[in-house]
Amino acid sequence: MAKLSILIFIFAIISSIYAIPVNVNRLNNRANDGSLTVTVESEEVFCSFLPRQQSEEIGASEDDAIPFCTSSTPNAPNQFPTGFIKTAHFKQDTNYVQVTGTIDNSLYVISSDGGGQYDTKAPVGASCTGYKKFVNLVEPNNGRFCIRCCNDGATCDTGHSEAGCDVIIPGDYS
């Protein structure tokens, strides 16, 4: 009986050691398969990260959010719920592209949620087509969203998410 207990204990240790790389590889594959890629091309063609599940808080979903887009793309097959995007305003500069606007906070998100930020660091492996960095905030309590893709950290400020869309990504929120 003691030998069986020792064998089970050794098996448990070996299993736990090999379980960690499998999970890491799964995450790396998810990041590399394009499933965490957003795009910002125009007022009509753009994406934003949102929680995987309806009524999940934005902040709680920062590590496992998925892209939702205005139209289905191979990289982001999820479309925004009908009527979720109320307004969208595109702006392009030599250093960035962005979309700012309003959302119907009665759809998909928790209307009282103070929101949160998705960026190049979270979810892990996230990217914006054609750019090195991005910052994306969703603020259900204010009915706003914003996303900016750029090639430098100064243009995509990811360090002050609590300041909100209108400070991090100045634009039209009407």
Protein backbone atom coordinates (compact mmCIF):
# COMPACT_ATOMS: atom_id res chain seq x y z
CA MET A 1 0.00 0.00 0.00
CA ALA A 2 2.86 2.38 0.81
CA LYS A 3 4.40 1.73 -2.61
CA LEU A 4 1.11 2.57 -4.31
CA SER A 5 0.88 5.84 -2.35
CA ILE A 6 4.43 6.74 -3.35
CA LEU A 7 3.69 5.98 -7.01
CA ILE A 8 0.55 8.12 -6.94
CA PHE A 9 2.50 10.95 -5.29
CA ILE A 10 5.27 10.75 -7.94
CA PHE A 11 2.68 10.63 -10.73
CA ALA A 12 0.97 13.74 -9.29
CA ILE A 13 4.28 15.65 -9.22
CA ILE A 14 5.17 14.66 -12.79
CA SER A 15 1.67 15.55 -14.00
CA SER A 16 1.80 19.00 -12.41
CA ILE A 17 5.24 19.72 -13.87
CA TYR A 18 4.10 18.88 -17.40
CA ALA A 19 0.72 20.61 -17.08
CA ILE A 20 2.23 24.10 -16.90
CA PRO A 21 4.01 24.03 -20.31
CA VAL A 22 0.86 22.69 -21.97
CA ASN A 23 -1.13 25.68 -20.69
CA VAL A 24 1.59 28.13 -21.72
CA ASN A 25 1.78 26.58 -25.19
CA ARG A 26 -2.00 26.83 -25.54
CA LEU A 27 -1.85 30.55 -24.70
CA ASN A 28 1.07 31.11 -27.06
CA ASN A 29 -0.77 29.34 -29.87
CA ARG A 30 -3.88 31.46 -29.21
CA ALA A 31 -1.77 34.60 -29.39
CA ASN A 32 0.05 33.53 -32.54
CA ASP A 33 -3.00 32.35 -34.47
CA GLY A 34 -4.26 35.93 -34.90
CA SER A 35 -7.26 35.46 -32.62
CA LEU A 36 -6.14 38.44 -30.53
CA THR A 37 -5.68 40.84 -33.41
CA VAL A 38 -7.72 44.01 -33.74
CA THR A 39 -7.81 46.42 -36.66
CA VAL A 40 -8.63 50.11 -37.00
CA GLU A 41 -9.22 51.12 -40.62
CA SER A 42 -12.18 53.51 -40.68
CA GLU A 43 -15.44 54.46 -38.95
CA GLU A 44 -16.97 51.41 -40.60
CA VAL A 45 -14.13 48.90 -40.09
CA PHE A 46 -12.65 48.59 -36.60
CA CYS A 47 -12.48 46.32 -33.58
CA SER A 48 -12.41 46.63 -29.82
CA PHE A 49 -11.71 44.11 -27.11
CA LEU A 50 -14.63 43.07 -24.92
CA PRO A 51 -15.17 40.38 -22.31
CA ARG A 52 -15.68 36.83 -23.56
CA GLN A 53 -18.95 36.59 -21.67
CA GLN A 54 -21.86 39.00 -21.65
CA SER A 55 -22.20 40.94 -18.36
CA GLU A 56 -18.59 40.31 -17.30
CA GLU A 57 -16.81 43.38 -15.92
CA ILE A 58 -14.29 45.01 -18.25
CA GLY A 59 -11.53 45.08 -15.63
CA ALA A 60 -12.04 41.41 -14.78
CA SER A 61 -11.72 40.47 -18.46
CA GLU A 62 -8.48 42.30 -19.23
CA ASP A 63 -6.44 39.08 -19.33
CA ASP A 64 -8.79 36.99 -21.47
CA ALA A 65 -10.82 39.42 -23.58
CA ILE A 66 -11.47 38.82 -27.27
CA PRO A 67 -11.84 41.17 -30.25
CA PHE A 68 -15.27 42.20 -31.48
CA CYS A 69 -15.42 43.94 -34.86
CA THR A 70 -17.86 45.86 -37.00
CA SER A 71 -17.71 43.01 -39.50
CA SER A 72 -16.50 39.46 -39.22
CA THR A 73 -12.86 38.99 -40.19
CA PRO A 74 -10.71 35.85 -40.26
CA ASN A 75 -8.71 37.17 -37.29
CA ALA A 76 -11.70 38.33 -35.26
CA PRO A 77 -14.85 36.37 -36.08
CA ASN A 78 -16.93 38.05 -33.34
CA GLN A 79 -19.12 40.95 -34.37
CA PHE A 80 -20.36 43.65 -32.02
CA PRO A 81 -23.92 42.96 -30.89
CA THR A 82 -26.41 44.77 -33.13
CA GLY A 83 -26.80 48.35 -31.88
CA PHE A 84 -23.87 48.14 -29.44
CA ILE A 85 -21.82 50.79 -31.30
CA LYS A 86 -23.91 53.96 -31.39
CA THR A 87 -21.34 56.37 -32.86
CA ALA A 88 -17.82 55.97 -34.21
CA HIS A 89 -15.37 58.67 -35.25
CA PHE A 90 -12.17 57.79 -37.10
CA LYS A 91 -9.01 59.88 -36.95
CA GLN A 92 -5.64 59.27 -38.53
CA ASP A 93 -2.31 60.99 -37.98
CA THR A 94 1.21 60.16 -39.07
CA ASN A 95 1.73 58.41 -35.72
CA TYR A 96 -1.60 56.65 -35.14
CA VAL A 97 -5.10 55.61 -36.17
CA GLN A 98 -8.01 55.70 -33.75
CA VAL A 99 -11.73 55.34 -33.35
CA THR A 100 -13.64 57.04 -30.54
CA GLY A 101 -17.33 56.95 -29.88
CA THR A 102 -20.29 55.81 -27.87
CA ILE A 103 -21.84 52.47 -26.99
CA ASP A 104 -25.27 51.33 -25.91
CA ASN A 105 -24.39 50.28 -22.38
CA SER A 106 -27.63 48.32 -22.05
CA LEU A 107 -26.23 45.71 -24.45
CA TYR A 108 -23.62 43.07 -23.58
CA VAL A 109 -21.79 45.04 -20.82
CA ILE A 110 -22.76 46.00 -17.27
CA SER A 111 -24.02 49.58 -17.57
CA SER A 112 -22.64 50.64 -14.17
CA ASP A 113 -19.16 49.17 -14.84
CA GLY A 114 -16.44 51.83 -14.57
CA GLY A 115 -14.61 50.11 -17.40
CA GLY A 116 -11.03 49.21 -18.03
CA GLN A 117 -8.19 49.05 -20.49
CA TYR A 118 -6.93 46.50 -22.97
CA ASP A 119 -3.55 47.03 -24.58
CA THR A 120 -0.48 45.37 -26.03
CA LYS A 121 0.22 43.79 -22.62
CA ALA A 122 -3.24 42.46 -21.75
CA PRO A 123 -4.58 40.23 -23.04
CA VAL A 124 -1.19 38.60 -23.60
CA GLY A 125 -0.42 38.35 -27.30
CA ALA A 126 -2.89 41.05 -28.36
CA SER A 127 -1.96 43.22 -31.33
CA CYS A 128 -3.30 45.76 -33.79
CA THR A 129 -2.84 45.10 -37.50
CA GLY A 130 0.07 47.14 -38.89
CA TYR A 131 1.12 48.70 -35.58
CA LYS A 132 3.46 47.85 -32.71
CA LYS A 133 1.19 49.05 -29.90
CA PHE A 134 -2.41 49.83 -29.10
CA VAL A 135 -4.54 51.08 -26.22
CA ASN A 136 -8.28 50.33 -25.99
CA LEU A 137 -10.63 51.50 -23.25
CA VAL A 138 -14.28 50.60 -22.77
CA GLU A 139 -16.29 52.66 -20.27
CA PRO A 140 -19.83 51.32 -19.94
CA ASN A 141 -20.80 53.75 -17.15
CA ASN A 142 -19.99 56.66 -19.50
CA GLY A 143 -21.25 54.91 -22.63
CA ARG A 144 -17.85 55.42 -24.32
CA PHE A 145 -15.17 53.40 -26.04
CA CYS A 146 -11.88 54.27 -27.68
CA ILE A 147 -9.05 52.50 -29.42
CA ARG A 148 -5.76 53.84 -30.78
CA CYS A 149 -3.08 51.91 -32.65
CA CYS A 150 0.43 53.37 -32.96
CA ASN A 151 4.11 52.55 -33.18
CA ASP A 152 5.40 54.25 -30.03
CA GLY A 153 4.60 54.31 -26.34
CA ALA A 154 4.24 58.08 -26.15
CA THR A 155 1.35 58.05 -28.63
CA CYS A 156 -0.28 54.99 -27.02
CA ASP A 157 -0.28 55.86 -23.32
CA THR A 158 -1.06 52.67 -21.42
CA GLY A 159 -0.06 53.92 -17.99
CA HIS A 160 -3.07 56.05 -17.03
CA SER A 161 -6.18 54.03 -17.80
CA GLU A 162 -8.04 55.53 -14.86
CA ALA A 163 -7.91 58.91 -16.65
CA GLY A 164 -10.42 57.61 -19.20
CA CYS A 165 -10.95 57.75 -22.94
CA ASP A 166 -11.19 61.50 -23.32
CA VAL A 167 -7.75 62.00 -21.71
CA ILE A 168 -5.89 58.95 -23.07
CA ILE A 169 -7.37 59.23 -26.57
CA PRO A 170 -8.71 62.71 -27.24
CA GLY A 171 -11.39 62.60 -29.89
CA ASP A 172 -15.07 62.94 -30.70
CA TYR A 173 -17.31 61.21 -28.17
CA SER A 174 -20.60 62.54 -29.51
